[in-house]
Amino acid sequence: MRTLIFIGPTLTAAEVESRLPAAIVMPPAAVGDVLRASRRKDVNRIAIVDGYFERMAAVWHKEILLALERGIAVWGASSMGALRAAELAPFGMIGVGAIFKAFARGVLTADDEVAVAHLPGEQGYRAVSDALVNLRDGLARAAKARVIDARARDRLIELARARFYRERSWSQLIADGLGEGMKLDGLAAFPKPDRKAEDARLLLKQLAADDGRRPAKLRVPRTWALRQLEALHR
C-alpha cells in the first residue's frame, strides 16, 4: 500500500517516515492538493492530518469525494483530517481518533478547535500556539487528577475559547486564569498532553495495519465549481 499523507505541524515528516516507511509526506493540504494526489499512479491511499485554511483555501470536500470515486481510500485524523472525515464519513472517508469522534458526534462543532499558528515549511511547520482541543484535553486530565476542580476547568475552557486561535497557549491560558484570581500552581506544573499528535500516531498505526480496504463505489456529480477545480488542477 503506497500512502500519501498531508501533515505538519502535528507531527514531523521524520516521525511519519519512521512509523510508516515508504509514505509520501506532503505539506498541509490546500484546495486542489487531494485532487492532484488522486491522479497519481503510485498512490492508493491518501491520509489527511493537517491542512491550510486561512492564507489559502482549504481542501474541498468534493475533491475528497473524487478520490473516493477513483477507488482511493481516504483517511483523516487530528486536525483538518478529523474535520473532513467527520463530514464525509457517510460517503466512505475513514476517520480515526478522539478528535474525529468528537466532531462526528457533535461534541465539537467549531473548526477553530483544531487550528494552530505555525512556522513555514523551512522551519518544519513548528506550532507556535496550542490547539483548543489540546487545551481541552489537558484541562480534562487535570480535573480528573484533581489538580483543578470542574468549575475551574469549565471557566478555563471559556477563557481559551475567547482567545483568537493564534493567541491560544498554555502560558496565556494560565495567565488569564491567574488574572481572575484562580490558584493554578498545580496546573502550571501538570504535564501538557498533545491530543492531536496522539490521534495522528494512532492514524499511522492503523494505516500500517490496514489490509487494503477500498471505498464503496461512489459517483460524484460534476457541478460547475467542481469542473472549474478539475480544470485548474490538471
Protein backbone atom coordinates (compact mmCIF):
# COMPACT_ATOMS: atom_id res chain seq x y z
CA MET A 1 0.00 0.00 0.00
CA ARG A 2 1.50 3.37 -1.02
CA THR A 3 0.22 6.18 1.14
CA LEU A 4 0.40 9.92 0.54
CA ILE A 5 -0.05 11.88 3.75
CA PHE A 6 -0.59 15.61 4.29
CA ILE A 7 0.97 16.59 7.60
CA GLY A 8 2.73 19.36 9.51
CA PRO A 9 2.73 20.79 12.20
CA THR A 10 1.03 17.93 14.10
CA LEU A 11 3.96 15.55 13.52
CA THR A 12 7.30 15.91 11.78
CA ALA A 13 7.99 14.27 8.44
CA ALA A 14 10.78 12.26 10.08
CA GLU A 15 8.39 10.74 12.61
CA VAL A 16 5.87 9.87 9.90
CA GLU A 17 8.56 8.16 7.82
CA SER A 18 9.80 6.21 10.84
CA ARG A 19 6.31 4.94 11.65
CA LEU A 20 5.08 4.46 8.08
CA PRO A 21 8.04 3.67 5.83
CA ALA A 22 7.66 4.49 2.13
CA ALA A 23 4.93 7.05 2.84
CA ILE A 24 4.94 10.09 0.59
CA VAL A 25 4.95 13.01 3.04
CA MET A 26 3.40 16.24 1.80
CA PRO A 27 2.84 19.68 3.38
CA PRO A 28 -0.55 20.58 4.86
CA ALA A 29 -3.32 20.15 2.29
CA ALA A 30 -4.83 23.11 0.47
CA VAL A 31 -7.54 23.26 -2.17
CA GLY A 32 -6.63 21.10 -5.17
CA ASP A 33 -3.94 19.06 -3.42
CA VAL A 34 -6.09 15.96 -2.84
CA LEU A 35 -7.36 16.20 -6.40
CA ARG A 36 -3.80 16.16 -7.75
CA ALA A 37 -2.81 13.37 -5.38
CA SER A 38 -5.74 11.23 -6.53
CA ARG A 39 -4.36 11.30 -10.09
CA ARG A 40 -1.01 9.84 -9.14
CA LYS A 41 -0.44 6.28 -10.35
CA ASP A 42 1.80 5.44 -7.37
CA VAL A 43 -0.79 6.27 -4.66
CA ASN A 44 -3.69 4.11 -3.47
CA ARG A 45 -4.25 5.71 -0.06
CA ILE A 46 -4.46 9.35 0.96
CA ALA A 47 -4.30 10.46 4.59
CA ILE A 48 -5.07 13.99 5.73
CA VAL A 49 -3.86 15.25 9.09
CA ASP A 50 -3.09 18.94 8.60
CA GLY A 51 -4.48 21.47 6.15
CA TYR A 52 -4.35 25.16 5.36
CA PHE A 53 -7.44 27.27 5.94
CA GLU A 54 -6.57 30.94 6.36
CA ARG A 55 -3.96 32.21 3.92
CA MET A 56 -5.26 29.90 1.19
CA ALA A 57 -8.47 27.97 0.51
CA ALA A 58 -8.97 24.76 2.49
CA VAL A 59 -9.17 21.34 0.86
CA TRP A 60 -12.61 20.89 -0.72
CA HIS A 61 -15.00 18.14 0.27
CA LYS A 62 -15.71 17.39 -3.40
CA GLU A 63 -12.08 16.65 -4.25
CA ILE A 64 -12.00 14.10 -1.44
CA LEU A 65 -15.15 12.56 -2.89
CA LEU A 66 -13.44 12.40 -6.29
CA ALA A 67 -10.57 10.45 -4.73
CA LEU A 68 -13.08 8.04 -3.20
CA GLU A 69 -14.80 7.74 -6.57
CA ARG A 70 -11.47 6.70 -8.08
CA GLY A 71 -11.16 3.88 -5.55
CA ILE A 72 -8.59 5.57 -3.34
CA ALA A 73 -9.07 5.11 0.40
CA VAL A 74 -9.03 8.49 2.15
CA TRP A 75 -8.27 8.67 5.87
CA GLY A 76 -8.35 11.61 8.25
CA ALA A 77 -7.45 12.42 11.83
CA SER A 78 -6.31 15.00 14.32
CA SER A 79 -6.79 18.35 12.58
CA MET A 80 -8.21 19.22 9.14
CA GLY A 81 -8.33 15.48 8.55
CA ALA A 82 -10.63 14.96 11.53
CA LEU A 83 -12.94 17.75 10.35
CA ARG A 84 -13.26 16.40 6.83
CA ALA A 85 -13.61 12.80 8.00
CA ALA A 86 -16.45 13.73 10.35
CA GLU A 87 -18.22 15.47 7.46
CA LEU A 88 -17.56 12.79 4.86
CA ALA A 89 -17.73 9.55 6.86
CA PRO A 90 -21.20 8.80 5.37
CA PHE A 91 -19.53 8.79 1.93
CA GLY A 92 -16.67 6.48 2.88
CA MET A 93 -13.88 8.64 4.30
CA ILE A 94 -12.27 6.87 7.26
CA GLY A 95 -11.84 8.85 10.48
CA VAL A 96 -9.50 7.94 13.33
CA GLY A 97 -9.07 9.17 16.87
CA ALA A 98 -10.80 11.02 19.67
CA ILE A 99 -10.95 14.37 17.87
CA PHE A 100 -12.64 12.83 14.83
CA LYS A 101 -15.16 11.07 17.10
CA ALA A 102 -15.92 14.30 18.98
CA PHE A 103 -16.69 16.13 15.72
CA ALA A 104 -18.67 13.19 14.31
CA ARG A 105 -20.86 13.09 17.44
CA GLY A 106 -21.36 16.85 17.53
CA VAL A 107 -19.49 17.25 20.82
CA LEU A 108 -17.15 19.63 18.97
CA THR A 109 -18.56 21.88 16.26
CA ALA A 110 -16.17 24.79 15.63
CA ASP A 111 -13.39 24.48 13.06
CA ASP A 112 -11.04 26.58 15.17
CA GLU A 113 -10.91 23.82 17.81
CA VAL A 114 -8.00 22.31 15.86
CA ALA A 115 -6.42 25.48 14.47
CA VAL A 116 -2.86 26.47 15.35
CA ALA A 117 -0.40 29.08 14.16
CA HIS A 118 2.80 27.55 12.82
CA LEU A 119 6.09 28.41 11.18
CA PRO A 120 6.73 27.83 7.46
CA GLY A 121 7.94 24.58 5.96
CA GLU A 122 11.59 25.69 6.06
CA GLN A 123 11.27 25.60 9.85
CA GLY A 124 9.39 22.30 9.98
CA TYR A 125 5.90 23.82 10.37
CA ARG A 126 6.57 24.05 14.12
CA ALA A 127 3.44 25.11 16.02
CA VAL A 128 3.65 28.42 17.88
CA SER A 129 0.23 28.21 19.53
CA ASP A 130 -1.78 25.44 21.20
CA ALA A 131 -4.94 24.00 19.70
CA LEU A 132 -8.12 24.37 21.71
CA VAL A 133 -8.65 20.60 21.54
CA ASN A 134 -5.28 20.14 23.24
CA LEU A 135 -6.13 22.69 25.93
CA ARG A 136 -9.49 20.98 26.49
CA ASP A 137 -7.85 17.58 26.78
CA GLY A 138 -5.20 18.80 29.19
CA LEU A 139 -7.78 20.54 31.38
CA ALA A 140 -9.95 17.41 31.41
CA ARG A 141 -6.99 15.31 32.53
CA ALA A 142 -6.01 17.86 35.16
CA ALA A 143 -9.56 17.85 36.55
CA LYS A 144 -9.60 14.04 36.60
CA ALA A 145 -6.33 14.11 38.52
CA ARG A 146 -7.88 16.70 40.88
CA VAL A 147 -5.25 19.27 40.04
CA ILE A 148 -8.13 21.67 39.31
CA ASP A 149 -11.83 21.35 40.05
CA ALA A 150 -14.62 21.11 37.48
CA ARG A 151 -15.59 24.75 37.92
CA ALA A 152 -12.06 25.93 37.18
CA ARG A 153 -11.84 23.55 34.20
CA ASP A 154 -15.03 24.92 32.67
CA ARG A 155 -14.02 28.55 33.22
CA LEU A 156 -10.58 27.97 31.73
CA ILE A 157 -12.17 26.42 28.64
CA GLU A 158 -14.31 29.54 28.30
CA LEU A 159 -11.22 31.73 28.58
CA ALA A 160 -9.41 29.66 25.94
CA ARG A 161 -12.36 29.84 23.54
CA ALA A 162 -12.48 33.61 23.92
CA ARG A 163 -8.94 33.93 22.57
CA PHE A 164 -8.18 34.09 18.83
CA TYR A 165 -6.63 30.78 17.84
CA ARG A 166 -3.21 32.34 17.24
CA GLU A 167 -3.18 33.62 20.85
CA ARG A 168 -4.02 30.30 22.50
CA SER A 169 -1.30 28.69 24.58
CA TRP A 170 -0.91 27.12 27.98
CA SER A 171 1.08 30.09 29.24
CA GLN A 172 -1.57 32.56 28.03
CA LEU A 173 -4.40 30.46 29.47
CA ILE A 174 -2.75 30.21 32.87
CA ALA A 175 -2.09 33.95 32.83
CA ASP A 176 -5.75 34.58 32.01
CA GLY A 177 -6.81 32.31 34.87
CA LEU A 178 -4.47 33.99 37.31
CA GLY A 179 -5.93 37.30 36.20
CA GLU A 180 -9.28 36.09 37.51
CA GLY A 181 -7.78 35.12 40.84
CA MET A 182 -7.51 31.35 40.25
CA LYS A 183 -4.81 29.35 42.02
CA LEU A 184 -3.12 27.42 39.22
CA ASP A 185 0.31 26.37 40.51
CA GLY A 186 -0.64 22.72 40.14
CA LEU A 187 -1.89 23.21 36.59
CA ALA A 188 1.27 25.06 35.58
CA ALA A 189 3.35 22.05 36.64
CA PHE A 190 0.94 19.44 35.24
CA PRO A 191 2.09 17.60 32.05
CA LYS A 192 0.54 19.09 28.92
CA PRO A 193 -0.76 16.37 26.58
CA ASP A 194 -0.88 16.66 22.80
CA ARG A 195 -4.18 15.10 21.75
CA LYS A 196 -3.63 15.99 18.12
CA ALA A 197 -0.28 14.22 17.99
CA GLU A 198 -1.72 11.19 19.80
CA ASP A 199 -4.50 10.91 17.21
CA ALA A 200 -2.04 11.31 14.33
CA ARG A 201 0.11 8.49 15.73
CA LEU A 202 -2.97 6.31 16.05
CA LEU A 203 -3.75 7.04 12.40
CA LEU A 204 -0.25 5.93 11.36
CA LYS A 205 -0.62 2.77 13.42
CA GLN A 206 -3.94 1.91 11.78
CA LEU A 207 -2.58 2.68 8.32
CA ALA A 208 0.34 0.33 8.97
CA ALA A 209 -2.09 -2.43 9.96
CA ASP A 210 -4.60 -1.78 7.17
CA ASP A 211 -5.24 -4.74 4.88
CA GLY A 212 -6.07 -2.59 1.86
CA ARG A 213 -9.72 -1.72 2.29
CA ARG A 214 -11.29 0.26 -0.52
CA PRO A 215 -14.21 2.70 -0.51
CA ALA A 216 -17.62 1.67 -1.77
CA LYS A 217 -18.47 2.72 -5.32
CA LEU A 218 -19.40 6.38 -5.50
CA ARG A 219 -20.44 8.72 -8.28
CA VAL A 220 -19.78 12.41 -7.75
CA PRO A 221 -21.96 14.89 -9.69
CA ARG A 222 -19.79 17.28 -11.75
CA THR A 223 -21.06 20.67 -10.67
CA TRP A 224 -19.82 23.83 -12.39
CA ALA A 225 -17.49 24.60 -9.46
CA LEU A 226 -16.07 21.08 -9.47
CA ARG A 227 -15.41 21.23 -13.20
CA GLN A 228 -13.55 24.50 -12.68
CA LEU A 229 -11.45 22.95 -9.92
CA GLU A 230 -10.58 19.98 -12.11
CA ALA A 231 -9.58 22.30 -14.94
CA LEU A 232 -7.34 24.36 -12.65
CA HIS A 233 -5.54 21.37 -11.16
CA ARG A 234 -4.85 19.10 -14.10
